[in-house]
Amino acid sequence: MPKLTIAWDVKKITDSTNNKNEELNKELIPIKEERNKLNLEAKKWAEKRNKLNEKVQTLRKEANSIKEKRDIVSEKIERRKTGGFSFTIDNFSENT
């Protein structure tokens, strides 16, 4: 008779473990669904971030280009104001 008791106890433990696994899996389902929703939302925000970063990079390049053009125009204006020449005591040279 002790063999039957041990077998019955093992079956009881196995059933109990299986029931606990089923309960935990049922609890896990909504958690996984929430994780998936959050992952999708995170991907959308990452795409928005990447688009904004691209726009910022483009705007910085445009700003640098505008600054370079401004500097060229400012230099030309300065040359015209001075008549294209600069004078020093030791040296006389034409700006080109």
N, C-alpha and C. Protein backbone atom coordinates (compact mmCIF):
# COMPACT_ATOMS: atom_id res chain seq x y z
N MET A 1 0.78 -1.21 0.00
CA MET A 1 0.00 0.00 0.00
C MET A 1 0.83 1.28 0.00
N PRO A 2 1.99 1.32 0.55
CA PRO A 2 2.75 2.57 0.51
C PRO A 2 3.07 3.02 -0.92
N LYS A 3 3.22 2.08 -1.85
CA LYS A 3 3.53 2.45 -3.23
C LYS A 3 2.37 3.24 -3.83
N LEU A 4 1.15 2.86 -3.55
CA LEU A 4 -0.01 3.58 -4.05
C LEU A 4 -0.08 4.98 -3.47
N THR A 5 0.25 5.13 -2.22
CA THR A 5 0.23 6.43 -1.57
C THR A 5 1.27 7.35 -2.21
N ILE A 6 2.45 6.84 -2.47
CA ILE A 6 3.50 7.65 -3.10
C ILE A 6 3.08 8.04 -4.50
N ALA A 7 2.55 7.11 -5.26
CA ALA A 7 2.11 7.40 -6.62
C ALA A 7 0.99 8.43 -6.59
N TRP A 8 0.08 8.28 -5.64
CA TRP A 8 -1.03 9.23 -5.54
C TRP A 8 -0.51 10.61 -5.15
N ASP A 9 0.48 10.67 -4.23
CA ASP A 9 1.08 11.94 -3.82
C ASP A 9 1.81 12.61 -4.99
N VAL A 10 2.50 11.82 -5.80
CA VAL A 10 3.20 12.37 -6.97
C VAL A 10 2.18 12.92 -7.95
N LYS A 11 1.10 12.19 -8.16
CA LYS A 11 0.06 12.66 -9.06
C LYS A 11 -0.57 13.94 -8.53
N LYS A 12 -0.79 14.00 -7.21
CA LYS A 12 -1.38 15.18 -6.58
C LYS A 12 -0.44 16.38 -6.76
N ILE A 13 0.84 16.17 -6.55
CA ILE A 13 1.83 17.25 -6.71
C ILE A 13 1.88 17.69 -8.17
N THR A 14 1.89 16.74 -9.09
CA THR A 14 1.93 17.05 -10.52
C THR A 14 0.69 17.85 -10.92
N ASP A 15 -0.49 17.40 -10.45
CA ASP A 15 -1.72 18.12 -10.76
C ASP A 15 -1.69 19.53 -10.18
N SER A 16 -1.18 19.63 -8.96
CA SER A 16 -1.09 20.94 -8.31
C SER A 16 -0.15 21.86 -9.10
N THR A 17 0.98 21.31 -9.53
CA THR A 17 1.95 22.09 -10.32
C THR A 17 1.34 22.51 -11.65
N ASN A 18 0.64 21.60 -12.30
CA ASN A 18 0.00 21.92 -13.57
C ASN A 18 -1.05 23.02 -13.39
N ASN A 19 -1.85 22.90 -12.32
CA ASN A 19 -2.85 23.93 -12.04
C ASN A 19 -2.19 25.29 -11.80
N LYS A 20 -1.11 25.29 -11.05
CA LYS A 20 -0.40 26.54 -10.76
C LYS A 20 0.17 27.12 -12.06
N ASN A 21 0.72 26.26 -12.92
CA ASN A 21 1.23 26.72 -14.22
C ASN A 21 0.13 27.34 -15.05
N GLU A 22 -1.03 26.71 -15.08
CA GLU A 22 -2.16 27.25 -15.84
C GLU A 22 -2.59 28.60 -15.29
N GLU A 23 -2.64 28.72 -13.96
CA GLU A 23 -3.01 30.00 -13.34
C GLU A 23 -2.00 31.09 -13.71
N LEU A 24 -0.73 30.76 -13.61
CA LEU A 24 0.31 31.73 -13.93
C LEU A 24 0.27 32.12 -15.41
N ASN A 25 0.01 31.15 -16.28
CA ASN A 25 -0.10 31.46 -17.71
C ASN A 25 -1.28 32.37 -17.99
N LYS A 26 -2.40 32.14 -17.27
CA LYS A 26 -3.56 33.03 -17.44
C LYS A 26 -3.24 34.44 -16.99
N GLU A 27 -2.46 34.57 -15.91
CA GLU A 27 -2.05 35.90 -15.45
C GLU A 27 -1.06 36.54 -16.42
N LEU A 28 -0.28 35.71 -17.06
CA LEU A 28 0.76 36.20 -17.97
C LEU A 28 0.20 36.74 -19.28
N ILE A 29 -0.92 36.22 -19.74
CA ILE A 29 -1.49 36.62 -21.03
C ILE A 29 -1.74 38.13 -21.10
N PRO A 30 -2.47 38.74 -20.14
CA PRO A 30 -2.69 40.18 -20.25
C PRO A 30 -1.40 41.00 -20.10
N ILE A 31 -0.46 40.46 -19.35
CA ILE A 31 0.82 41.16 -19.19
C ILE A 31 1.57 41.18 -20.52
N LYS A 32 1.56 40.05 -21.22
CA LYS A 32 2.22 40.00 -22.54
C LYS A 32 1.51 40.92 -23.54
N GLU A 33 0.18 40.95 -23.48
CA GLU A 33 -0.57 41.84 -24.38
C GLU A 33 -0.21 43.30 -24.12
N GLU A 34 -0.12 43.66 -22.85
CA GLU A 34 0.25 45.03 -22.49
C GLU A 34 1.67 45.34 -22.96
N ARG A 35 2.59 44.37 -22.80
CA ARG A 35 3.96 44.55 -23.26
C ARG A 35 4.00 44.79 -24.77
N ASN A 36 3.21 44.01 -25.50
CA ASN A 36 3.18 44.16 -26.96
C ASN A 36 2.64 45.53 -27.36
N LYS A 37 1.61 45.99 -26.67
CA LYS A 37 1.06 47.32 -26.95
C LYS A 37 2.10 48.40 -26.68
N LEU A 38 2.80 48.25 -25.55
CA LEU A 38 3.83 49.24 -25.21
C LEU A 38 4.99 49.21 -26.20
N ASN A 39 5.34 48.02 -26.68
CA ASN A 39 6.41 47.92 -27.68
C ASN A 39 6.01 48.62 -28.98
N LEU A 40 4.76 48.45 -29.39
CA LEU A 40 4.27 49.13 -30.59
C LEU A 40 4.30 50.63 -30.42
N GLU A 41 3.86 51.09 -29.25
CA GLU A 41 3.87 52.53 -28.99
C GLU A 41 5.29 53.07 -28.96
N ALA A 42 6.20 52.30 -28.37
CA ALA A 42 7.60 52.72 -28.33
C ALA A 42 8.18 52.82 -29.74
N LYS A 43 7.81 51.89 -30.62
CA LYS A 43 8.29 51.94 -32.00
C LYS A 43 7.79 53.19 -32.71
N LYS A 44 6.50 53.54 -32.46
CA LYS A 44 5.94 54.74 -33.08
C LYS A 44 6.69 55.98 -32.62
N TRP A 45 6.97 56.05 -31.30
CA TRP A 45 7.69 57.21 -30.78
C TRP A 45 9.12 57.26 -31.31
N ALA A 46 9.73 56.10 -31.47
CA ALA A 46 11.09 56.05 -32.02
C ALA A 46 11.10 56.56 -33.46
N GLU A 47 10.09 56.20 -34.24
CA GLU A 47 9.99 56.69 -35.62
C GLU A 47 9.82 58.21 -35.63
N LYS A 48 8.97 58.73 -34.75
CA LYS A 48 8.78 60.18 -34.67
C LYS A 48 10.09 60.86 -34.29
N ARG A 49 10.80 60.28 -33.31
CA ARG A 49 12.08 60.84 -32.89
C ARG A 49 13.07 60.87 -34.04
N ASN A 50 13.13 59.76 -34.79
CA ASN A 50 14.06 59.69 -35.91
C ASN A 50 13.74 60.73 -36.99
N LYS A 51 12.45 60.91 -37.26
CA LYS A 51 12.05 61.92 -38.25
C LYS A 51 12.44 63.31 -37.79
N LEU A 52 12.22 63.61 -36.50
CA LEU A 52 12.59 64.92 -35.97
C LEU A 52 14.10 65.11 -36.02
N ASN A 53 14.86 64.07 -35.70
CA ASN A 53 16.31 64.17 -35.77
C ASN A 53 16.79 64.45 -37.19
N GLU A 54 16.15 63.81 -38.16
CA GLU A 54 16.51 64.07 -39.56
C GLU A 54 16.22 65.53 -39.92
N LYS A 55 15.07 66.04 -39.48
CA LYS A 55 14.72 67.43 -39.76
C LYS A 55 15.73 68.38 -39.11
N VAL A 56 16.12 68.08 -37.88
CA VAL A 56 17.09 68.92 -37.19
C VAL A 56 18.42 68.93 -37.95
N GLN A 57 18.86 67.76 -38.40
CA GLN A 57 20.12 67.69 -39.15
C GLN A 57 20.02 68.50 -40.45
N THR A 58 18.89 68.39 -41.13
CA THR A 58 18.69 69.14 -42.38
C THR A 58 18.71 70.64 -42.09
N LEU A 59 18.02 71.05 -41.04
CA LEU A 59 17.98 72.47 -40.70
C LEU A 59 19.36 72.99 -40.31
N ARG A 60 20.14 72.18 -39.62
CA ARG A 60 21.51 72.60 -39.25
C ARG A 60 22.37 72.78 -40.49
N LYS A 61 22.23 71.86 -41.45
CA LYS A 61 22.99 71.98 -42.69
C LYS A 61 22.59 73.24 -43.44
N GLU A 62 21.27 73.50 -43.49
CA GLU A 62 20.79 74.71 -44.17
C GLU A 62 21.31 75.96 -43.46
N ALA A 63 21.28 75.94 -42.13
CA ALA A 63 21.76 77.10 -41.36
C ALA A 63 23.24 77.33 -41.62
N ASN A 64 24.03 76.27 -41.65
CA ASN A 64 25.46 76.42 -41.94
C ASN A 64 25.69 76.96 -43.34
N SER A 65 24.91 76.50 -44.29
CA SER A 65 25.02 76.99 -45.66
C SER A 65 24.69 78.48 -45.72
N ILE A 66 23.64 78.86 -45.04
CA ILE A 66 23.25 80.28 -45.01
C ILE A 66 24.33 81.12 -44.35
N LYS A 67 24.92 80.61 -43.27
CA LYS A 67 26.00 81.35 -42.59
C LYS A 67 27.20 81.53 -43.52
N GLU A 68 27.54 80.47 -44.27
CA GLU A 68 28.66 80.57 -45.20
C GLU A 68 28.38 81.62 -46.27
N LYS A 69 27.16 81.61 -46.80
CA LYS A 69 26.80 82.61 -47.82
C LYS A 69 26.82 84.02 -47.22
N ARG A 70 26.33 84.15 -45.98
CA ARG A 70 26.35 85.44 -45.30
C ARG A 70 27.78 85.94 -45.15
N ASP A 71 28.69 85.04 -44.75
CA ASP A 71 30.08 85.43 -44.57
C ASP A 71 30.72 85.88 -45.88
N ILE A 72 30.38 85.18 -46.97
CA ILE A 72 30.91 85.57 -48.28
C ILE A 72 30.41 86.95 -48.67
N VAL A 73 29.11 87.18 -48.48
CA VAL A 73 28.53 88.49 -48.82
C VAL A 73 29.13 89.57 -47.93
N SER A 74 29.29 89.29 -46.66
CA SER A 74 29.88 90.28 -45.74
C SER A 74 31.31 90.62 -46.14
N GLU A 75 32.04 89.60 -46.56
CA GLU A 75 33.42 89.84 -47.01
C GLU A 75 33.44 90.71 -48.26
N LYS A 76 32.54 90.44 -49.21
CA LYS A 76 32.48 91.25 -50.43
C LYS A 76 32.11 92.69 -50.10
N ILE A 77 31.16 92.86 -49.19
CA ILE A 77 30.76 94.22 -48.79
C ILE A 77 31.92 94.95 -48.14
N GLU A 78 32.64 94.26 -47.29
CA GLU A 78 33.78 94.88 -46.61
C GLU A 78 34.85 95.29 -47.62
N ARG A 79 35.08 94.46 -48.64
CA ARG A 79 36.06 94.80 -49.68
C ARG A 79 35.62 96.05 -50.43
N ARG A 80 34.34 96.14 -50.75
CA ARG A 80 33.85 97.31 -51.48
C ARG A 80 33.95 98.58 -50.64
N LYS A 81 33.70 98.45 -49.35
CA LYS A 81 33.80 99.61 -48.46
C LYS A 81 35.22 100.14 -48.43
N THR A 82 36.19 99.23 -48.43
CA THR A 82 37.59 99.66 -48.35
C THR A 82 38.19 99.90 -49.73
N GLY A 83 37.41 99.72 -50.76
CA GLY A 83 37.90 99.94 -52.10
C GLY A 83 38.76 98.81 -52.62
N GLY A 84 38.72 97.69 -51.97
CA GLY A 84 39.48 96.54 -52.44
C GLY A 84 40.93 96.58 -52.03
N PHE A 85 41.33 97.57 -51.25
CA PHE A 85 42.72 97.68 -50.83
C PHE A 85 42.80 97.74 -49.31
N SER A 86 43.88 97.22 -48.77
CA SER A 86 44.13 97.40 -47.35
C SER A 86 45.52 98.01 -47.22
N PHE A 87 45.64 98.92 -46.30
CA PHE A 87 46.89 99.63 -46.13
C PHE A 87 47.46 99.34 -44.76
N THR A 88 48.75 99.12 -44.71
CA THR A 88 49.46 99.04 -43.44
C THR A 88 50.70 99.88 -43.60
N ILE A 89 51.32 100.17 -42.53
CA ILE A 89 52.53 100.99 -42.57
C ILE A 89 53.63 100.26 -43.32
N ASP A 90 53.76 98.97 -43.06
CA ASP A 90 54.85 98.20 -43.67
C ASP A 90 54.49 97.61 -45.02
N ASN A 91 53.19 97.50 -45.30
CA ASN A 91 52.83 96.74 -46.48
C ASN A 91 51.61 97.36 -47.13
N PHE A 92 51.57 97.29 -48.41
CA PHE A 92 50.41 97.71 -49.18
C PHE A 92 50.03 96.54 -50.05
N SER A 93 48.77 96.03 -49.89
CA SER A 93 48.37 94.89 -50.72
C SER A 93 46.92 95.02 -51.10
N GLU A 94 46.60 94.39 -52.21
CA GLU A 94 45.22 94.38 -52.70
C GLU A 94 44.54 93.13 -52.19
N ASN A 95 43.31 93.29 -51.67
CA ASN A 95 42.53 92.12 -51.22
C ASN A 95 41.89 91.47 -52.42
N THR A 96 42.09 90.16 -52.54
CA THR A 96 41.44 89.42 -53.62
C THR A 96 40.79 88.19 -53.09
